[in-house]
Amino acid sequence: MKDSNTTAAKKTTAATASKSKTTTAASKSKTTAASKTTASKSTTPKGTVKAKTSAAEGLRELFVDSLKDIYWAEKALVKALPKMAKNASSQNLIDAINDHLAVTQGQVTRLEQVFASVGEKAAAKKCDAMEGLIKEGEGIMEETEVGAVRDAGIIAASQKIEHYEIATYGTLAAFAKTLGEDEAVSLLTETLNEEKEADITLTEAAYNTINFDATEEEEK
C-alpha cells in the first residue's frame, strides 16, 4: 500500500514538474517574441530619424563645400579680369570688364558675410570648373591677335564664366532656403542678380558690335 502511494506521489510530482517546464518555456517564448517586437518597433522610428538627420547634415556639408568652391572661384576671377581688360581693344568691353572687377571684389566680401551668417569660417577650396574656364580664356588671348576677334573671344569666355556663376549662385540660394538660412539667401540672391546683370551687359554693351567688327575683319 505504501509502495503504491509512493509511486502515485512520484507520478504527480513528475506531472507537476513537466507542466511547470511547459509553462516556463511558453512564458520565455512569449517574452522573447515581445522583446523582438519591441526592438523592431523602436528601431524603425530611430532609423527614420537618423536618416533624416544624416540627409540634413549632408545638405549643409554640400552647401558649405560649394561656398568654399565659389569663394575660390571669385578670388581667382579677381586676378584674371585685369588681364582680360588689358588684352581687350574695345573700350566698351574694357569698361564692362573693369566694372565687373569692382563688382566681383564686392562679391568676395559678400561671400565672407555668407560664411559668417551660417557660422562657418571663410575658406577657399580649389574650383576646377573656374580654373578651366579661366584657362580657356587665357588660351583664346594667346591664340588671337589684338583686335575684334580677340575681343569676341574674351566675351565668349567671360559669358561662360557668368553662366557658371549664375548656375552656382542660384543653386546656393536654393540650398540656403532649404536649410532655413534666410540671411544667406538674401546675400546670395543679391550676387545672383549682379551676375545676371553682368551677362546682359556683356551682350548688349559689347557683344553685338564686337561680333560685327570681327566678321568684317575676317572678310578682309
C-alpha atoms as a PDB file:
ATOM      1  CA  MET A   1       0.000   0.000   0.000  1.00  0.00           C
ATOM      2  CA  LYS A   2       2.866   2.225   0.959  1.00  0.00           C
ATOM      3  CA  ASP A   3       4.658   1.486  -2.337  1.00  0.00           C
ATOM      4  CA  SER A   4       1.511   2.285  -4.283  1.00  0.00           C
ATOM      5  CA  ASN A   5       1.135   5.654  -2.564  1.00  0.00           C
ATOM      6  CA  THR A   6       4.810   6.430  -3.164  1.00  0.00           C
ATOM      7  CA  THR A   7       4.504   5.629  -6.875  1.00  0.00           C
ATOM      8  CA  ALA A   8       1.403   7.814  -7.212  1.00  0.00           C
ATOM      9  CA  ALA A   9       3.177  10.666  -5.454  1.00  0.00           C
ATOM     10  CA  LYS A  10       6.152  10.373  -7.815  1.00  0.00           C
ATOM     11  CA  LYS A  11       3.880  10.427 -10.870  1.00  0.00           C
ATOM     12  CA  THR A  12       2.083  13.515  -9.528  1.00  0.00           C
ATOM     13  CA  THR A  13       5.405  15.272  -8.886  1.00  0.00           C
ATOM     14  CA  ALA A  14       6.676  14.399 -12.370  1.00  0.00           C
ATOM     15  CA  ALA A  15       3.473  15.667 -13.987  1.00  0.00           C
ATOM     16  CA  THR A  16       3.682  18.881 -11.992  1.00  0.00           C
ATOM     17  CA  ALA A  17       7.340  19.377 -12.979  1.00  0.00           C
ATOM     18  CA  SER A  18       6.529  18.719 -16.635  1.00  0.00           C
ATOM     19  CA  LYS A  19       3.661  21.195 -16.563  1.00  0.00           C
ATOM     20  CA  SER A  20       5.901  23.761 -14.882  1.00  0.00           C
ATOM     21  CA  LYS A  21       8.570  23.340 -17.571  1.00  0.00           C
ATOM     22  CA  THR A  22       5.979  23.699 -20.319  1.00  0.00           C
ATOM     23  CA  THR A  23       4.568  26.862 -18.719  1.00  0.00           C
ATOM     24  CA  THR A  24       8.054  28.308 -18.245  1.00  0.00           C
ATOM     25  CA  ALA A  25       9.031  27.581 -21.871  1.00  0.00           C
ATOM     26  CA  ALA A  26       5.840  29.156 -23.153  1.00  0.00           C
ATOM     27  CA  SER A  27       6.451  32.178 -20.960  1.00  0.00           C
ATOM     28  CA  LYS A  28      10.015  32.528 -22.237  1.00  0.00           C
ATOM     29  CA  SER A  29       8.785  32.207 -25.824  1.00  0.00           C
ATOM     30  CA  LYS A  30       6.230  34.960 -25.321  1.00  0.00           C
ATOM     31  CA  THR A  31       8.781  37.175 -23.605  1.00  0.00           C
ATOM     32  CA  THR A  32      11.281  36.686 -26.458  1.00  0.00           C
ATOM     33  CA  ALA A  33       8.633  37.419 -29.099  1.00  0.00           C
ATOM     34  CA  ALA A  34       7.529  40.533 -27.232  1.00  0.00           C
ATOM     35  CA  SER A  35      11.126  41.661 -26.916  1.00  0.00           C
ATOM     36  CA  LYS A  36      11.715  41.219 -30.659  1.00  0.00           C
ATOM     37  CA  THR A  37       8.522  43.110 -31.464  1.00  0.00           C
ATOM     38  CA  THR A  38       9.540  45.964 -29.157  1.00  0.00           C
ATOM     39  CA  ALA A  39      13.013  46.088 -30.694  1.00  0.00           C
ATOM     40  CA  SER A  40      11.504  46.120 -34.168  1.00  0.00           C
ATOM     41  CA  LYS A  41       9.150  48.963 -33.276  1.00  0.00           C
ATOM     42  CA  SER A  42      11.854  51.038 -31.621  1.00  0.00           C
ATOM     43  CA  THR A  43      14.342  50.526 -34.475  1.00  0.00           C
ATOM     44  CA  THR A  44      12.104  51.840 -37.258  1.00  0.00           C
ATOM     45  CA  PRO A  45      11.433  55.337 -35.931  1.00  0.00           C
ATOM     46  CA  LYS A  46      15.013  55.703 -34.742  1.00  0.00           C
ATOM     47  CA  GLY A  47      16.287  54.607 -38.124  1.00  0.00           C
ATOM     48  CA  THR A  48      13.952  57.039 -39.852  1.00  0.00           C
ATOM     49  CA  VAL A  49      15.010  59.980 -37.693  1.00  0.00           C
ATOM     50  CA  LYS A  50      18.660  59.144 -38.162  1.00  0.00           C
ATOM     51  CA  ALA A  51      18.234  59.023 -41.945  1.00  0.00           C
ATOM     52  CA  LYS A  52      16.584  62.438 -41.956  1.00  0.00           C
ATOM     53  CA  THR A  53      19.301  63.913 -39.770  1.00  0.00           C
ATOM     54  CA  SER A  54      22.017  62.489 -41.994  1.00  0.00           C
ATOM     55  CA  ALA A  55      20.329  63.921 -45.079  1.00  0.00           C
ATOM     56  CA  ALA A  56      20.099  67.372 -43.477  1.00  0.00           C
ATOM     57  CA  GLU A  57      23.712  67.245 -42.363  1.00  0.00           C
ATOM     58  CA  GLY A  58      24.700  66.111 -45.844  1.00  0.00           C
ATOM     59  CA  LEU A  59      22.971  69.089 -47.487  1.00  0.00           C
ATOM     60  CA  ARG A  60      24.631  71.530 -45.083  1.00  0.00           C
ATOM     61  CA  GLU A  61      28.023  69.975 -45.811  1.00  0.00           C
ATOM     62  CA  LEU A  62      27.356  70.231 -49.543  1.00  0.00           C
ATOM     63  CA  PHE A  63      26.255  73.851 -49.118  1.00  0.00           C
ATOM     64  CA  VAL A  64      29.381  74.832 -47.180  1.00  0.00           C
ATOM     65  CA  ASP A  65      31.617  72.911 -49.579  1.00  0.00           C
ATOM     66  CA  SER A  66      30.032  74.731 -52.531  1.00  0.00           C
ATOM     67  CA  LEU A  67      30.541  78.066 -50.770  1.00  0.00           C
ATOM     68  CA  LYS A  68      34.251  77.294 -50.439  1.00  0.00           C
ATOM     69  CA  ASP A  69      34.308  76.375 -54.123  1.00  0.00           C
ATOM     70  CA  ILE A  70      32.787  79.644 -55.383  1.00  0.00           C
ATOM     71  CA  TYR A  71      34.844  81.647 -52.867  1.00  0.00           C
ATOM     72  CA  TRP A  72      37.995  80.301 -54.528  1.00  0.00           C
ATOM     73  CA  ALA A  73      36.468  80.949 -57.953  1.00  0.00           C
ATOM     74  CA  GLU A  74      35.665  84.606 -57.252  1.00  0.00           C
ATOM     75  CA  LYS A  75      39.132  85.280 -55.831  1.00  0.00           C
ATOM     76  CA  ALA A  76      40.699  83.669 -58.903  1.00  0.00           C
ATOM     77  CA  LEU A  77      38.484  85.790 -61.134  1.00  0.00           C
ATOM     78  CA  VAL A  78      39.644  88.971 -59.377  1.00  0.00           C
ATOM     79  CA  LYS A  79      43.156  88.090 -60.576  1.00  0.00           C
ATOM     80  CA  ALA A  80      42.071  87.071 -64.089  1.00  0.00           C
ATOM     81  CA  LEU A  81      39.836  90.020 -65.044  1.00  0.00           C
ATOM     82  CA  PRO A  82      42.594  92.687 -65.211  1.00  0.00           C
ATOM     83  CA  LYS A  83      44.466  90.504 -67.716  1.00  0.00           C
ATOM     84  CA  MET A  84      41.310  90.250 -69.841  1.00  0.00           C
ATOM     85  CA  ALA A  85      40.845  94.018 -69.767  1.00  0.00           C
ATOM     86  CA  LYS A  86      44.497  94.537 -70.744  1.00  0.00           C
ATOM     87  CA  ASN A  87      44.107  92.275 -73.789  1.00  0.00           C
ATOM     88  CA  ALA A  88      40.823  93.814 -74.965  1.00  0.00           C
ATOM     89  CA  SER A  89      40.732  96.567 -77.595  1.00  0.00           C
ATOM     90  CA  SER A  90      37.090  97.699 -77.481  1.00  0.00           C
ATOM     91  CA  GLN A  91      36.551 100.443 -74.899  1.00  0.00           C
ATOM     92  CA  ASN A  92      33.049  99.123 -74.252  1.00  0.00           C
ATOM     93  CA  LEU A  93      34.493  95.720 -73.386  1.00  0.00           C
ATOM     94  CA  ILE A  94      37.290  97.187 -71.260  1.00  0.00           C
ATOM     95  CA  ASP A  95      34.749  99.222 -69.290  1.00  0.00           C
ATOM     96  CA  ALA A  96      32.479  96.216 -68.860  1.00  0.00           C
ATOM     97  CA  ILE A  97      35.349  94.070 -67.551  1.00  0.00           C
ATOM     98  CA  ASN A  98      36.590  96.762 -65.156  1.00  0.00           C
ATOM     99  CA  ASP A  99      33.074  97.335 -63.857  1.00  0.00           C
ATOM    100  CA  HIS A 100      32.673  93.620 -63.238  1.00  0.00           C
ATOM    101  CA  LEU A 101      36.041  93.506 -61.473  1.00  0.00           C
ATOM    102  CA  ALA A 102      34.763  96.010 -58.901  1.00  0.00           C
ATOM    103  CA  VAL A 103      31.531  94.025 -58.544  1.00  0.00           C
ATOM    104  CA  THR A 104      33.454  90.754 -58.139  1.00  0.00           C
ATOM    105  CA  GLN A 105      35.594  92.230 -55.357  1.00  0.00           C
ATOM    106  CA  GLY A 106      32.370  93.127 -53.566  1.00  0.00           C
ATOM    107  CA  GLN A 107      31.080  89.589 -54.117  1.00  0.00           C
ATOM    108  CA  VAL A 108      34.150  88.142 -52.397  1.00  0.00           C
ATOM    109  CA  THR A 109      33.365  90.262 -49.345  1.00  0.00           C
ATOM    110  CA  ARG A 110      29.700  89.254 -49.511  1.00  0.00           C
ATOM    111  CA  LEU A 111      30.642  85.576 -49.571  1.00  0.00           C
ATOM    112  CA  GLU A 112      32.593  86.137 -46.358  1.00  0.00           C
ATOM    113  CA  GLN A 113      29.369  87.519 -44.888  1.00  0.00           C
ATOM    114  CA  VAL A 114      27.540  84.384 -46.037  1.00  0.00           C
ATOM    115  CA  PHE A 115      30.087  82.200 -44.269  1.00  0.00           C
ATOM    116  CA  ALA A 116      29.654  84.243 -41.083  1.00  0.00           C
ATOM    117  CA  SER A 117      25.854  84.087 -41.306  1.00  0.00           C
ATOM    118  CA  VAL A 118      25.898  80.270 -41.272  1.00  0.00           C
ATOM    119  CA  GLY A 119      28.536  80.049 -38.540  1.00  0.00           C
ATOM    120  CA  GLU A 120      31.421  78.962 -40.758  1.00  0.00           C
ATOM    121  CA  LYS A 121      34.916  80.343 -41.253  1.00  0.00           C
ATOM    122  CA  ALA A 122      35.542  81.678 -44.762  1.00  0.00           C
ATOM    123  CA  ALA A 123      37.808  79.233 -46.575  1.00  0.00           C
ATOM    124  CA  ALA A 124      38.576  78.626 -50.230  1.00  0.00           C
ATOM    125  CA  LYS A 125      38.591  75.244 -51.939  1.00  0.00           C
ATOM    126  CA  LYS A 126      40.013  74.980 -55.442  1.00  0.00           C
ATOM    127  CA  CYS A 127      37.278  75.204 -58.071  1.00  0.00           C
ATOM    128  CA  ASP A 128      38.225  73.030 -61.043  1.00  0.00           C
ATOM    129  CA  ALA A 129      35.407  74.457 -63.174  1.00  0.00           C
ATOM    130  CA  MET A 130      36.510  78.081 -62.755  1.00  0.00           C
ATOM    131  CA  GLU A 131      40.143  77.150 -63.245  1.00  0.00           C
ATOM    132  CA  GLY A 132      39.217  75.521 -66.543  1.00  0.00           C
ATOM    133  CA  LEU A 133      37.134  78.485 -67.720  1.00  0.00           C
ATOM    134  CA  ILE A 134      39.909  80.956 -66.891  1.00  0.00           C
ATOM    135  CA  LYS A 135      42.487  78.819 -68.699  1.00  0.00           C
ATOM    136  CA  GLU A 136      40.203  78.668 -71.717  1.00  0.00           C
ATOM    137  CA  GLY A 137      40.042  82.460 -71.780  1.00  0.00           C
ATOM    138  CA  GLU A 138      43.815  82.692 -71.496  1.00  0.00           C
ATOM    139  CA  GLY A 139      44.165  80.255 -74.389  1.00  0.00           C
ATOM    140  CA  ILE A 140      41.937  82.422 -76.578  1.00  0.00           C
ATOM    141  CA  MET A 141      44.018  85.513 -75.811  1.00  0.00           C
ATOM    142  CA  GLU A 142      47.235  83.648 -76.669  1.00  0.00           C
ATOM    143  CA  GLU A 143      45.891  82.283 -79.959  1.00  0.00           C
ATOM    144  CA  THR A 144      44.397  85.503 -81.348  1.00  0.00           C
ATOM    145  CA  GLU A 145      45.797  88.892 -82.329  1.00  0.00           C
ATOM    146  CA  VAL A 146      44.756  92.122 -80.673  1.00  0.00           C
ATOM    147  CA  GLY A 147      41.509  93.345 -82.215  1.00  0.00           C
ATOM    148  CA  ALA A 148      37.844  92.491 -82.660  1.00  0.00           C
ATOM    149  CA  VAL A 149      38.357  88.734 -83.000  1.00  0.00           C
ATOM    150  CA  ARG A 150      40.203  88.557 -79.674  1.00  0.00           C
ATOM    151  CA  ASP A 151      37.560  90.791 -78.096  1.00  0.00           C
ATOM    152  CA  ALA A 152      34.842  88.445 -79.317  1.00  0.00           C
ATOM    153  CA  GLY A 153      36.760  85.506 -77.839  1.00  0.00           C
ATOM    154  CA  ILE A 154      37.185  87.290 -74.493  1.00  0.00           C
ATOM    155  CA  ILE A 155      33.455  87.968 -74.350  1.00  0.00           C
ATOM    156  CA  ALA A 156      32.637  84.353 -75.177  1.00  0.00           C
ATOM    157  CA  ALA A 157      34.918  83.178 -72.357  1.00  0.00           C
ATOM    158  CA  SER A 158      33.509  85.804 -69.985  1.00  0.00           C
ATOM    159  CA  GLN A 159      29.923  84.779 -70.651  1.00  0.00           C
ATOM    160  CA  LYS A 160      30.757  81.133 -69.976  1.00  0.00           C
ATOM    161  CA  ILE A 161      32.089  82.277 -66.603  1.00  0.00           C
ATOM    162  CA  GLU A 162      28.951  84.330 -65.964  1.00  0.00           C
ATOM    163  CA  HIS A 163      26.678  81.415 -66.780  1.00  0.00           C
ATOM    164  CA  TYR A 164      28.631  79.154 -64.441  1.00  0.00           C
ATOM    165  CA  GLU A 165      28.326  81.726 -61.663  1.00  0.00           C
ATOM    166  CA  ILE A 166      24.609  82.227 -62.296  1.00  0.00           C
ATOM    167  CA  ALA A 167      24.022  78.478 -62.002  1.00  0.00           C
ATOM    168  CA  THR A 168      26.164  78.256 -58.860  1.00  0.00           C
ATOM    169  CA  TYR A 169      24.586  81.170 -57.000  1.00  0.00           C
ATOM    170  CA  GLY A 170      21.096  80.036 -57.961  1.00  0.00           C
ATOM    171  CA  THR A 171      21.803  76.591 -56.511  1.00  0.00           C
ATOM    172  CA  LEU A 172      23.415  78.007 -53.356  1.00  0.00           C
ATOM    173  CA  ALA A 173      20.429  80.277 -52.745  1.00  0.00           C
ATOM    174  CA  ALA A 174      18.091  77.276 -53.092  1.00  0.00           C
ATOM    175  CA  PHE A 175      20.214  75.251 -50.637  1.00  0.00           C
ATOM    176  CA  ALA A 176      20.243  78.126 -48.148  1.00  0.00           C
ATOM    177  CA  LYS A 177      16.466  78.444 -48.377  1.00  0.00           C
ATOM    178  CA  THR A 178      16.002  74.721 -47.711  1.00  0.00           C
ATOM    179  CA  LEU A 179      18.334  74.958 -44.703  1.00  0.00           C
ATOM    180  CA  GLY A 180      16.429  77.953 -43.304  1.00  0.00           C
ATOM    181  CA  GLU A 181      19.410  80.317 -43.671  1.00  0.00           C
ATOM    182  CA  ASP A 182      17.443  83.451 -44.543  1.00  0.00           C
ATOM    183  CA  GLU A 183      20.343  85.913 -44.334  1.00  0.00           C
ATOM    184  CA  ALA A 184      22.424  83.725 -46.632  1.00  0.00           C
ATOM    185  CA  VAL A 185      19.517  83.536 -49.098  1.00  0.00           C
ATOM    186  CA  SER A 186      19.340  87.329 -49.241  1.00  0.00           C
ATOM    187  CA  LEU A 187      23.094  87.759 -49.745  1.00  0.00           C
ATOM    188  CA  LEU A 188      23.366  85.033 -52.374  1.00  0.00           C
ATOM    189  CA  THR A 189      20.351  86.330 -54.284  1.00  0.00           C
ATOM    190  CA  GLU A 190      21.930  89.789 -54.403  1.00  0.00           C
ATOM    191  CA  THR A 191      25.034  88.321 -56.017  1.00  0.00           C
ATOM    192  CA  LEU A 192      22.928  86.192 -58.366  1.00  0.00           C
ATOM    193  CA  ASN A 193      21.190  89.314 -59.657  1.00  0.00           C
ATOM    194  CA  GLU A 194      24.552  91.023 -60.201  1.00  0.00           C
ATOM    195  CA  GLU A 195      25.782  88.086 -62.269  1.00  0.00           C
ATOM    196  CA  LYS A 196      22.663  88.181 -64.424  1.00  0.00           C
ATOM    197  CA  GLU A 197      23.141  91.911 -64.962  1.00  0.00           C
ATOM    198  CA  ALA A 198      26.787  91.385 -65.937  1.00  0.00           C
ATOM    199  CA  ASP A 199      25.738  88.794 -68.505  1.00  0.00           C
ATOM    200  CA  ILE A 200      23.280  91.250 -70.040  1.00  0.00           C
ATOM    201  CA  THR A 201      25.932  93.985 -70.065  1.00  0.00           C
ATOM    202  CA  LEU A 202      28.361  91.782 -71.973  1.00  0.00           C
ATOM    203  CA  THR A 203      25.679  91.011 -74.524  1.00  0.00           C
ATOM    204  CA  GLU A 204      24.182  94.472 -75.027  1.00  0.00           C
ATOM    205  CA  ALA A 205      27.108  96.817 -74.396  1.00  0.00           C
ATOM    206  CA  ALA A 206      29.822  94.931 -76.232  1.00  0.00           C
ATOM    207  CA  TYR A 207      28.964  91.630 -77.854  1.00  0.00           C
ATOM    208  CA  ASN A 208      26.829  92.756 -80.799  1.00  0.00           C
ATOM    209  CA  THR A 209      29.236  95.450 -82.036  1.00  0.00           C
ATOM    210  CA  ILE A 210      32.374  93.386 -81.469  1.00  0.00           C
ATOM    211  CA  ASN A 211      30.977  90.349 -83.255  1.00  0.00           C
ATOM    212  CA  PHE A 212      30.107  92.570 -86.216  1.00  0.00           C
ATOM    213  CA  ASP A 213      33.629  94.037 -86.263  1.00  0.00           C
ATOM    214  CA  ALA A 214      35.126  90.571 -86.009  1.00  0.00           C
ATOM    215  CA  THR A 215      33.144  89.465 -89.061  1.00  0.00           C
ATOM    216  CA  GLU A 216      34.388  92.488 -91.014  1.00  0.00           C
ATOM    217  CA  GLU A 217      37.999  91.639 -90.143  1.00  0.00           C
ATOM    218  CA  GLU A 218      37.560  88.033 -91.303  1.00  0.00           C
ATOM    219  CA  GLU A 219      36.151  89.216 -94.635  1.00  0.00           C
ATOM    220  CA  LYS A 220      39.140  91.499 -95.220  1.00  0.00           C
END
